[in-house]
């Protein structure tokens, strides 16, 4: 993969995150969602403690991250994915696709037959459609950025 060495993907509960990992993921979320995208919003929203966190490290640098919100903690009653992010300097290298493959494999193994919901930035609609997600809402504004709700429904066995 151009621009990166081997990415190490790791799942962590909130309690399993080291102080450095927590700092890294909060910094990446802040750098991208608040600074880069010019959105002033409360990133620390109380959900992280109930989530599973997928961190992708290239050597010592966190380059990709997402959180999985268990169905019991999401208003939809579905598993939800959020704070899906990769460093600007690493975009276009297929890391987003790799990260989504990691999460889909994990959910299939640990939460079989459960639907997955996410709020996608609208410009990523085709990316998520290619991952098997379908639109379930009209586009809407969230913090000044056009979003759309999407759902992945696993096939019946």
C-alpha atoms as a PDB file:
ATOM      1  CA  UNK A   1       0.000   0.000   0.000  1.00  0.00           C
ATOM      2  CA  UNK A   2       1.487   3.339  -1.006  1.00  0.00           C
ATOM      3  CA  UNK A   3       2.265   5.752   1.810  1.00  0.00           C
ATOM      4  CA  UNK A   4       1.798   3.292   4.655  1.00  0.00           C
ATOM      5  CA  UNK A   5       3.442   0.190   6.013  1.00  0.00           C
ATOM      6  CA  UNK A   6       1.385  -2.561   7.618  1.00  0.00           C
ATOM      7  CA  UNK A   7      -1.669  -1.294   9.499  1.00  0.00           C
ATOM      8  CA  UNK A   8      -2.377  -3.033  12.794  1.00  0.00           C
ATOM      9  CA  UNK A   9      -6.124  -3.120  13.491  1.00  0.00           C
ATOM     10  CA  UNK A  10      -7.224  -3.634  17.084  1.00  0.00           C
ATOM     11  CA  UNK A  11     -10.620  -3.698  18.786  1.00  0.00           C
ATOM     12  CA  UNK A  12     -10.821  -2.248  22.298  1.00  0.00           C
ATOM     13  CA  UNK A  13     -13.552  -1.632  24.829  1.00  0.00           C
ATOM     14  CA  UNK A  14     -13.323   1.778  26.482  1.00  0.00           C
ATOM     15  CA  UNK A  15     -11.690   0.204  29.530  1.00  0.00           C
ATOM     16  CA  UNK A  16      -9.091  -1.539  27.360  1.00  0.00           C
ATOM     17  CA  UNK A  17      -7.926   1.679  25.694  1.00  0.00           C
ATOM     18  CA  UNK A  18      -4.604   2.874  27.038  1.00  0.00           C
ATOM     19  CA  UNK A  19      -4.269   6.518  27.971  1.00  0.00           C
ATOM     20  CA  UNK A  20      -2.189   7.034  24.817  1.00  0.00           C
ATOM     21  CA  UNK A  21      -4.756   5.322  22.581  1.00  0.00           C
ATOM     22  CA  UNK A  22      -7.570   7.406  24.068  1.00  0.00           C
ATOM     23  CA  UNK A  23      -5.533  10.576  23.564  1.00  0.00           C
ATOM     24  CA  UNK A  24      -4.725   9.545  19.971  1.00  0.00           C
ATOM     25  CA  UNK A  25      -8.316   8.822  18.997  1.00  0.00           C
ATOM     26  CA  UNK A  26      -9.670  11.998  20.588  1.00  0.00           C
ATOM     27  CA  UNK A  27      -6.966  14.021  18.830  1.00  0.00           C
ATOM     28  CA  UNK A  28      -7.697  12.452  15.421  1.00  0.00           C
ATOM     29  CA  UNK A  29     -11.428  13.052  15.863  1.00  0.00           C
ATOM     30  CA  UNK A  30     -10.774  16.658  16.888  1.00  0.00           C
ATOM     31  CA  UNK A  31      -8.301  17.285  14.057  1.00  0.00           C
ATOM     32  CA  UNK A  32     -10.666  15.967  11.382  1.00  0.00           C
ATOM     33  CA  UNK A  33     -14.220  16.612  12.538  1.00  0.00           C
ATOM     34  CA  UNK A  34     -13.748  19.872  14.419  1.00  0.00           C
ATOM     35  CA  UNK A  35     -10.690  21.572  12.899  1.00  0.00           C
ATOM     36  CA  UNK A  36     -10.520  20.262   9.303  1.00  0.00           C
ATOM     37  CA  UNK A  37     -14.289  20.206   8.748  1.00  0.00           C
ATOM     38  CA  UNK A  38     -14.944  23.393  10.743  1.00  0.00           C
ATOM     39  CA  UNK A  39     -17.640  21.857  12.959  1.00  0.00           C
ATOM     40  CA  UNK A  40     -18.084  23.036  16.497  1.00  0.00           C
ATOM     41  CA  UNK A  41     -19.875  20.178  18.262  1.00  0.00           C
ATOM     42  CA  UNK A  42     -19.484  18.165  21.482  1.00  0.00           C
ATOM     43  CA  UNK A  43     -17.324  15.246  20.340  1.00  0.00           C
ATOM     44  CA  UNK A  44     -17.179  13.814  23.852  1.00  0.00           C
ATOM     45  CA  UNK A  45     -20.849  12.852  23.996  1.00  0.00           C
ATOM     46  CA  UNK A  46     -20.991  10.192  26.699  1.00  0.00           C
ATOM     47  CA  UNK A  47     -21.242   7.279  24.257  1.00  0.00           C
ATOM     48  CA  UNK A  48     -17.571   6.273  24.113  1.00  0.00           C
ATOM     49  CA  UNK A  49     -17.694   4.398  27.436  1.00  0.00           C
ATOM     50  CA  UNK A  50     -20.300   1.984  25.996  1.00  0.00           C
ATOM     51  CA  UNK A  51     -18.657   1.555  22.588  1.00  0.00           C
ATOM     52  CA  UNK A  52     -16.171  -0.769  21.006  1.00  0.00           C
ATOM     53  CA  UNK A  53     -13.320   1.101  19.357  1.00  0.00           C
ATOM     54  CA  UNK A  54     -11.451   0.033  16.227  1.00  0.00           C
ATOM     55  CA  UNK A  55      -8.037   1.637  16.034  1.00  0.00           C
ATOM     56  CA  UNK A  56      -5.714   1.343  13.045  1.00  0.00           C
ATOM     57  CA  UNK A  57      -2.070   2.087  13.725  1.00  0.00           C
ATOM     58  CA  UNK A  58       0.732   2.423  11.198  1.00  0.00           C
ATOM     59  CA  UNK A  59       3.808   2.045  13.407  1.00  0.00           C
ATOM     60  CA  UNK A  60       3.146   4.389  16.327  1.00  0.00           C
ATOM     61  CA  UNK A  61       0.673   6.637  14.484  1.00  0.00           C
ATOM     62  CA  UNK A  62      -3.093   6.256  14.693  1.00  0.00           C
ATOM     63  CA  UNK A  63      -4.251   6.677  11.096  1.00  0.00           C
ATOM     64  CA  UNK A  64      -7.824   5.355  11.201  1.00  0.00           C
ATOM     65  CA  UNK A  65     -10.553   4.940  13.779  1.00  0.00           C
ATOM     66  CA  UNK A  66     -14.237   4.214  14.274  1.00  0.00           C
ATOM     67  CA  UNK A  67     -16.525   3.411  17.139  1.00  0.00           C
ATOM     68  CA  UNK A  68     -19.181   0.713  17.212  1.00  0.00           C
ATOM     69  CA  UNK A  69     -22.209   1.608  19.303  1.00  0.00           C
ATOM     70  CA  UNK A  70     -23.979  -1.549  20.521  1.00  0.00           C
ATOM     71  CA  UNK A  71     -27.682  -1.744  19.679  1.00  0.00           C
ATOM     72  CA  UNK A  72     -28.644  -1.328  23.355  1.00  0.00           C
ATOM     73  CA  UNK A  73     -27.061   2.131  23.371  1.00  0.00           C
ATOM     74  CA  UNK A  74     -28.310   3.484  20.031  1.00  0.00           C
ATOM     75  CA  UNK A  75     -31.732   5.063  19.558  1.00  0.00           C
ATOM     76  CA  UNK A  76     -32.363   3.033  16.385  1.00  0.00           C
ATOM     77  CA  UNK A  77     -32.106  -0.316  18.157  1.00  0.00           C
ATOM     78  CA  UNK A  78     -29.442  -1.273  15.595  1.00  0.00           C
ATOM     79  CA  UNK A  79     -25.698  -1.468  15.932  1.00  0.00           C
ATOM     80  CA  UNK A  80     -24.382   1.913  14.842  1.00  0.00           C
ATOM     81  CA  UNK A  81     -21.037   3.032  13.513  1.00  0.00           C
ATOM     82  CA  UNK A  82     -19.750   6.494  14.190  1.00  0.00           C
ATOM     83  CA  UNK A  83     -16.744   8.794  14.259  1.00  0.00           C
ATOM     84  CA  UNK A  84     -15.438   6.967  11.175  1.00  0.00           C
ATOM     85  CA  UNK A  85     -12.219   8.763  10.360  1.00  0.00           C
ATOM     86  CA  UNK A  86      -8.836   8.513   8.684  1.00  0.00           C
ATOM     87  CA  UNK A  87      -6.021  11.015   8.619  1.00  0.00           C
ATOM     88  CA  UNK A  88      -6.145  13.426   5.689  1.00  0.00           C
ATOM     89  CA  UNK A  89      -2.594  12.454   4.724  1.00  0.00           C
ATOM     90  CA  UNK A  90      -3.646   8.793   4.373  1.00  0.00           C
ATOM     91  CA  UNK A  91      -6.854   9.206   2.374  1.00  0.00           C
ATOM     92  CA  UNK A  92      -7.087   7.720  -1.096  1.00  0.00           C
ATOM     93  CA  UNK A  93      -5.003   4.679  -0.119  1.00  0.00           C
ATOM     94  CA  UNK A  94      -7.898   2.291   0.517  1.00  0.00           C
ATOM     95  CA  UNK A  95      -7.746   2.595   4.302  1.00  0.00           C
ATOM     96  CA  UNK A  96     -11.467   3.380   4.590  1.00  0.00           C
ATOM     97  CA  UNK A  97     -12.337   0.210   2.703  1.00  0.00           C
ATOM     98  CA  UNK A  98      -9.918  -1.815   4.841  1.00  0.00           C
ATOM     99  CA  UNK A  99     -11.454  -0.371   7.999  1.00  0.00           C
ATOM    100  CA  UNK A 100     -14.995  -1.173   6.854  1.00  0.00           C
ATOM    101  CA  UNK A 101     -13.941  -4.728   5.973  1.00  0.00           C
ATOM    102  CA  UNK A 102     -12.547  -5.064   9.498  1.00  0.00           C
ATOM    103  CA  UNK A 103     -15.790  -3.865  11.079  1.00  0.00           C
ATOM    104  CA  UNK A 104     -18.052  -5.977   8.860  1.00  0.00           C
ATOM    105  CA  UNK A 105     -16.025  -9.109   9.660  1.00  0.00           C
ATOM    106  CA  UNK A 106     -16.131  -8.311  13.376  1.00  0.00           C
ATOM    107  CA  UNK A 107     -19.885  -7.687  13.405  1.00  0.00           C
ATOM    108  CA  UNK A 108     -20.609 -10.832  11.378  1.00  0.00           C
ATOM    109  CA  UNK A 109     -18.632 -12.876  13.933  1.00  0.00           C
ATOM    110  CA  UNK A 110     -19.762 -11.213  17.180  1.00  0.00           C
ATOM    111  CA  UNK A 111     -23.207  -9.795  16.303  1.00  0.00           C
ATOM    112  CA  UNK A 112     -24.565 -12.081  13.568  1.00  0.00           C
ATOM    113  CA  UNK A 113     -27.865 -11.166  11.944  1.00  0.00           C
ATOM    114  CA  UNK A 114     -27.866  -7.607  13.354  1.00  0.00           C
ATOM    115  CA  UNK A 115     -28.434  -4.593  11.147  1.00  0.00           C
ATOM    116  CA  UNK A 116     -25.884  -1.778  11.133  1.00  0.00           C
ATOM    117  CA  UNK A 117     -26.780   1.890  10.896  1.00  0.00           C
ATOM    118  CA  UNK A 118     -24.646   4.945  10.243  1.00  0.00           C
ATOM    119  CA  UNK A 119     -24.994   8.611   9.449  1.00  0.00           C
ATOM    120  CA  UNK A 120     -22.807   9.113   6.380  1.00  0.00           C
ATOM    121  CA  UNK A 121     -21.465  12.333   5.024  1.00  0.00           C
ATOM    122  CA  UNK A 122     -23.367  12.587   1.757  1.00  0.00           C
ATOM    123  CA  UNK A 123     -20.258  12.755  -0.432  1.00  0.00           C
ATOM    124  CA  UNK A 124     -19.454   9.204   0.801  1.00  0.00           C
ATOM    125  CA  UNK A 125     -22.839   7.775  -0.263  1.00  0.00           C
ATOM    126  CA  UNK A 126     -21.410   5.635  -3.091  1.00  0.00           C
ATOM    127  CA  UNK A 127     -18.573   4.363  -0.870  1.00  0.00           C
ATOM    128  CA  UNK A 128     -21.049   3.033   1.696  1.00  0.00           C
ATOM    129  CA  UNK A 129     -23.420   1.724  -0.985  1.00  0.00           C
ATOM    130  CA  UNK A 130     -20.480  -0.295  -2.332  1.00  0.00           C
ATOM    131  CA  UNK A 131     -20.092  -1.749   1.181  1.00  0.00           C
ATOM    132  CA  UNK A 132     -23.731  -2.932   1.134  1.00  0.00           C
ATOM    133  CA  UNK A 133     -25.450  -0.030   2.919  1.00  0.00           C
ATOM    134  CA  UNK A 134     -28.721   1.464   1.670  1.00  0.00           C
ATOM    135  CA  UNK A 135     -30.077   4.974   2.192  1.00  0.00           C
ATOM    136  CA  UNK A 136     -32.922   5.155   4.700  1.00  0.00           C
ATOM    137  CA  UNK A 137     -33.438   8.912   4.890  1.00  0.00           C
ATOM    138  CA  UNK A 138     -33.423  12.005   2.793  1.00  0.00           C
ATOM    139  CA  UNK A 139     -30.213  14.060   2.956  1.00  0.00           C
ATOM    140  CA  UNK A 140     -30.074  16.414   5.940  1.00  0.00           C
ATOM    141  CA  UNK A 141     -27.745  18.989   7.429  1.00  0.00           C
ATOM    142  CA  UNK A 142     -25.695  18.004  10.457  1.00  0.00           C
ATOM    143  CA  UNK A 143     -23.278  20.611  11.762  1.00  0.00           C
ATOM    144  CA  UNK A 144     -23.159  22.300   8.358  1.00  0.00           C
ATOM    145  CA  UNK A 145     -22.357  19.101   6.442  1.00  0.00           C
ATOM    146  CA  UNK A 146     -24.845  17.179   4.283  1.00  0.00           C
ATOM    147  CA  UNK A 147     -25.490  13.695   5.738  1.00  0.00           C
ATOM    148  CA  UNK A 148     -27.716  10.712   4.992  1.00  0.00           C
ATOM    149  CA  UNK A 149     -28.759   7.819   7.223  1.00  0.00           C
ATOM    150  CA  UNK A 150     -27.800   4.395   5.902  1.00  0.00           C
ATOM    151  CA  UNK A 151     -28.527   0.821   6.930  1.00  0.00           C
ATOM    152  CA  UNK A 152     -26.855  -2.520   6.275  1.00  0.00           C
ATOM    153  CA  UNK A 153     -29.196  -5.472   6.666  1.00  0.00           C
ATOM    154  CA  UNK A 154     -27.500  -8.882   6.713  1.00  0.00           C
ATOM    155  CA  UNK A 155     -28.775 -11.484   4.283  1.00  0.00           C
ATOM    156  CA  UNK A 156     -30.868 -14.307   5.720  1.00  0.00           C
ATOM    157  CA  UNK A 157     -29.014 -17.571   5.976  1.00  0.00           C
END
